[in-house]
Amino acid sequence: MTDTTIDQRTIRLQVNGRPVERTVPTRMTLGDFLRIELELTGTHFGCEHGVCGACTVLVDGMSMRSCLMLAVQAAGKSITTVEGLANGNALSPLQQAFWNNHGLQCGFCTPGMLTTLTEFLAHNDDPTETEIRDAISGNICRCTGYQSIVASTLEAARVIRDQKGAA
């Protein structure tokens, strides 16, 4: 006879700036937690092996594959999903640049691209095209050919630099 009890833990964390407390199975991935428990469906699952980058979210400001991280590992941390990148109704400079430059087509990879590039631009607001391509090398896009994503990132970097200069 097997024990069918599911081991669960209560976790407390911040998601998109809001406090969250839930009791979750210890084997639930962070991605499933976000999509199922919190109904934040912007985080997409592609390969579920950490290869495609579609499920990337920010954990304490760092890009992480939510398909590889357990929800219990996020306890006490701050998670930002694609839904949390905008400032109220105003798109982030990167989101606006994606809109301006057609940085997305089907949109499946876009949440992972945006979160990956948000971290990248936080550390490098004057990147080269090569640096951008290196930053997104772990994110697979099957539609755009990456050029519009790179152009979007270059535009966002200019806006971010201009905002810093105006402050």
Protein backbone atom coordinates (compact mmCIF):
# COMPACT_ATOMS: atom_id res chain seq x y z
CA MET A 1 0.00 0.00 0.00
CA THR A 2 1.34 3.44 -0.95
CA ASP A 3 0.96 6.67 0.93
CA THR A 4 -1.07 9.01 -1.27
CA THR A 5 -0.57 12.02 0.97
CA ILE A 6 0.82 14.99 -0.89
CA ASP A 7 3.51 16.88 0.99
CA GLN A 8 2.53 20.56 1.14
CA ARG A 9 4.09 23.76 2.46
CA THR A 10 2.75 27.23 3.07
CA ILE A 11 4.76 29.87 1.23
CA ARG A 12 4.79 33.64 1.49
CA LEU A 13 6.23 35.75 -1.31
CA GLN A 14 5.70 38.89 -3.36
CA VAL A 15 4.29 38.53 -6.87
CA ASN A 16 4.23 41.64 -9.03
CA GLY A 17 4.51 43.76 -5.90
CA ARG A 18 1.69 42.09 -4.00
CA PRO A 19 2.03 39.81 -0.99
CA VAL A 20 0.88 36.24 -1.59
CA GLU A 21 0.42 33.36 0.82
CA ARG A 22 -0.62 29.90 -0.33
CA THR A 23 -0.27 26.28 0.69
CA VAL A 24 1.16 24.35 -2.24
CA PRO A 25 2.41 20.86 -3.03
CA THR A 26 6.19 20.76 -2.56
CA ARG A 27 6.63 19.45 -6.11
CA MET A 28 4.63 22.22 -7.81
CA THR A 29 6.76 24.30 -10.16
CA LEU A 30 6.83 28.06 -9.86
CA GLY A 31 5.32 28.26 -13.34
CA ASP A 32 2.37 26.08 -12.38
CA PHE A 33 1.95 28.10 -9.19
CA LEU A 34 1.79 31.35 -11.17
CA ARG A 35 -0.53 29.99 -13.85
CA ILE A 36 -2.81 27.74 -11.77
CA GLU A 37 -2.83 29.19 -8.26
CA LEU A 38 -2.54 32.88 -9.18
CA GLU A 39 -4.07 32.75 -12.67
CA LEU A 40 -1.18 34.74 -14.14
CA THR A 41 -1.21 33.10 -17.54
CA GLY A 42 1.32 35.41 -19.19
CA THR A 43 4.09 33.00 -18.22
CA HIS A 44 4.16 30.39 -20.98
CA PHE A 45 5.44 26.82 -20.97
CA GLY A 46 7.27 25.66 -24.06
CA CYS A 47 9.68 22.82 -23.47
CA GLU A 48 9.31 22.37 -19.68
CA HIS A 49 13.05 21.53 -19.61
CA GLY A 50 14.47 25.06 -19.19
CA VAL A 51 15.70 25.23 -22.78
CA CYS A 52 13.28 27.54 -24.61
CA GLY A 53 13.03 30.45 -22.15
CA ALA A 54 9.28 31.00 -22.62
CA CYS A 55 8.62 30.53 -18.89
CA THR A 56 11.25 33.03 -17.73
CA VAL A 57 10.26 35.27 -14.81
CA LEU A 58 12.27 37.55 -12.56
CA VAL A 59 13.12 36.25 -9.09
CA ASP A 60 14.56 39.04 -6.97
CA GLY A 61 15.37 40.77 -10.25
CA MET A 62 17.16 37.81 -11.82
CA SER A 63 15.91 35.80 -14.80
CA MET A 64 14.82 32.31 -13.81
CA ARG A 65 13.10 29.48 -15.66
CA SER A 66 9.82 28.97 -13.80
CA CYS A 67 9.50 25.43 -15.16
CA LEU A 68 12.68 24.42 -13.33
CA MET A 69 12.09 26.21 -10.03
CA LEU A 70 9.73 24.88 -7.39
CA ALA A 71 7.16 27.23 -5.88
CA VAL A 72 8.52 26.44 -2.40
CA GLN A 73 11.93 27.71 -3.52
CA ALA A 74 10.32 31.10 -4.17
CA ALA A 75 9.25 31.52 -0.53
CA GLY A 76 10.39 34.91 0.76
CA LYS A 77 11.32 36.14 -2.70
CA SER A 78 9.96 38.78 -5.04
CA ILE A 79 8.64 37.43 -8.35
CA THR A 80 7.92 39.58 -11.38
CA THR A 81 5.99 38.10 -14.28
CA VAL A 82 5.26 39.75 -17.60
CA GLU A 83 2.04 41.06 -16.03
CA GLY A 84 4.14 43.00 -13.52
CA LEU A 85 6.44 44.80 -15.97
CA ALA A 86 4.07 47.65 -16.78
CA ASN A 87 3.69 50.61 -14.45
CA GLY A 88 -0.09 50.67 -14.00
CA ASN A 89 -1.53 51.24 -17.46
CA ALA A 90 1.78 52.52 -18.85
CA LEU A 91 3.91 49.98 -20.66
CA SER A 92 7.54 49.67 -19.62
CA PRO A 93 10.00 51.20 -22.12
CA LEU A 94 10.85 47.68 -23.31
CA GLN A 95 7.20 46.70 -23.77
CA GLN A 96 6.54 49.94 -25.68
CA ALA A 97 9.58 49.35 -27.86
CA PHE A 98 8.37 45.82 -28.66
CA TRP A 99 5.06 47.39 -29.73
CA ASN A 100 6.78 50.12 -31.79
CA ASN A 101 9.19 47.75 -33.56
CA HIS A 102 6.96 44.69 -34.01
CA GLY A 103 9.16 42.76 -31.58
CA LEU A 104 6.60 40.00 -31.38
CA GLN A 105 4.59 37.98 -33.81
CA CYS A 106 2.77 35.01 -32.31
CA GLY A 107 3.69 36.27 -28.83
CA PHE A 108 4.49 32.89 -27.31
CA CYS A 109 8.13 33.70 -26.51
CA THR A 110 7.44 37.35 -25.70
CA PRO A 111 6.93 37.10 -21.90
CA GLY A 112 10.24 35.27 -21.52
CA MET A 113 12.00 37.68 -23.87
CA LEU A 114 10.64 40.69 -21.98
CA THR A 115 11.63 39.40 -18.55
CA THR A 116 15.07 38.29 -19.74
CA LEU A 117 15.71 41.64 -21.40
CA THR A 118 14.35 43.58 -18.43
CA GLU A 119 17.09 42.09 -16.27
CA PHE A 120 19.66 42.64 -19.02
CA LEU A 121 18.78 46.33 -19.46
CA ALA A 122 18.86 46.87 -15.70
CA HIS A 123 22.59 46.10 -15.89
CA ASN A 124 23.41 47.41 -19.37
CA ASP A 125 21.51 50.42 -20.71
CA ASP A 126 23.89 50.92 -23.65
CA PRO A 127 24.17 47.46 -25.22
CA THR A 128 25.50 46.49 -28.60
CA GLU A 129 23.50 44.30 -30.95
CA THR A 130 25.90 41.45 -30.20
CA GLU A 131 25.38 41.84 -26.44
CA ILE A 132 21.60 41.76 -26.91
CA ARG A 133 21.79 38.64 -29.05
CA ASP A 134 23.96 37.02 -26.39
CA ALA A 135 21.48 38.04 -23.66
CA ILE A 136 18.59 36.35 -25.47
CA SER A 137 20.56 33.32 -26.64
CA GLY A 138 18.65 31.18 -24.13
CA ASN A 139 15.26 32.28 -25.46
CA ILE A 140 13.89 30.61 -28.57
CA CYS A 141 11.68 32.53 -30.99
CA ARG A 142 10.36 30.71 -34.02
CA CYS A 143 8.65 33.69 -35.68
CA THR A 144 10.64 36.93 -35.71
CA GLY A 145 14.17 36.04 -36.75
CA TYR A 146 15.22 38.10 -33.69
CA GLN A 147 16.00 41.32 -35.63
CA SER A 148 12.87 43.14 -34.44
CA ILE A 149 13.55 41.97 -30.88
CA VAL A 150 17.08 43.40 -31.08
CA ALA A 151 15.76 46.66 -32.57
CA SER A 152 13.18 46.86 -29.79
CA THR A 153 15.85 46.38 -27.15
CA LEU A 154 18.10 49.05 -28.68
CA GLU A 155 15.17 51.51 -28.66
CA ALA A 156 14.27 50.64 -25.06
CA ALA A 157 17.91 51.16 -24.02
CA ARG A 158 17.87 54.65 -25.59
CA VAL A 159 14.64 55.52 -23.76
CA ILE A 160 16.03 54.24 -20.45
CA ARG A 161 19.23 56.27 -20.91
CA ASP A 162 17.18 59.36 -21.77
CA GLN A 163 15.01 58.87 -18.67
CA LYS A 164 18.12 58.54 -16.47
CA GLY A 165 19.59 61.70 -18.06
CA ALA A 166 16.37 63.64 -17.42
CA ALA A 167 16.25 62.62 -13.75
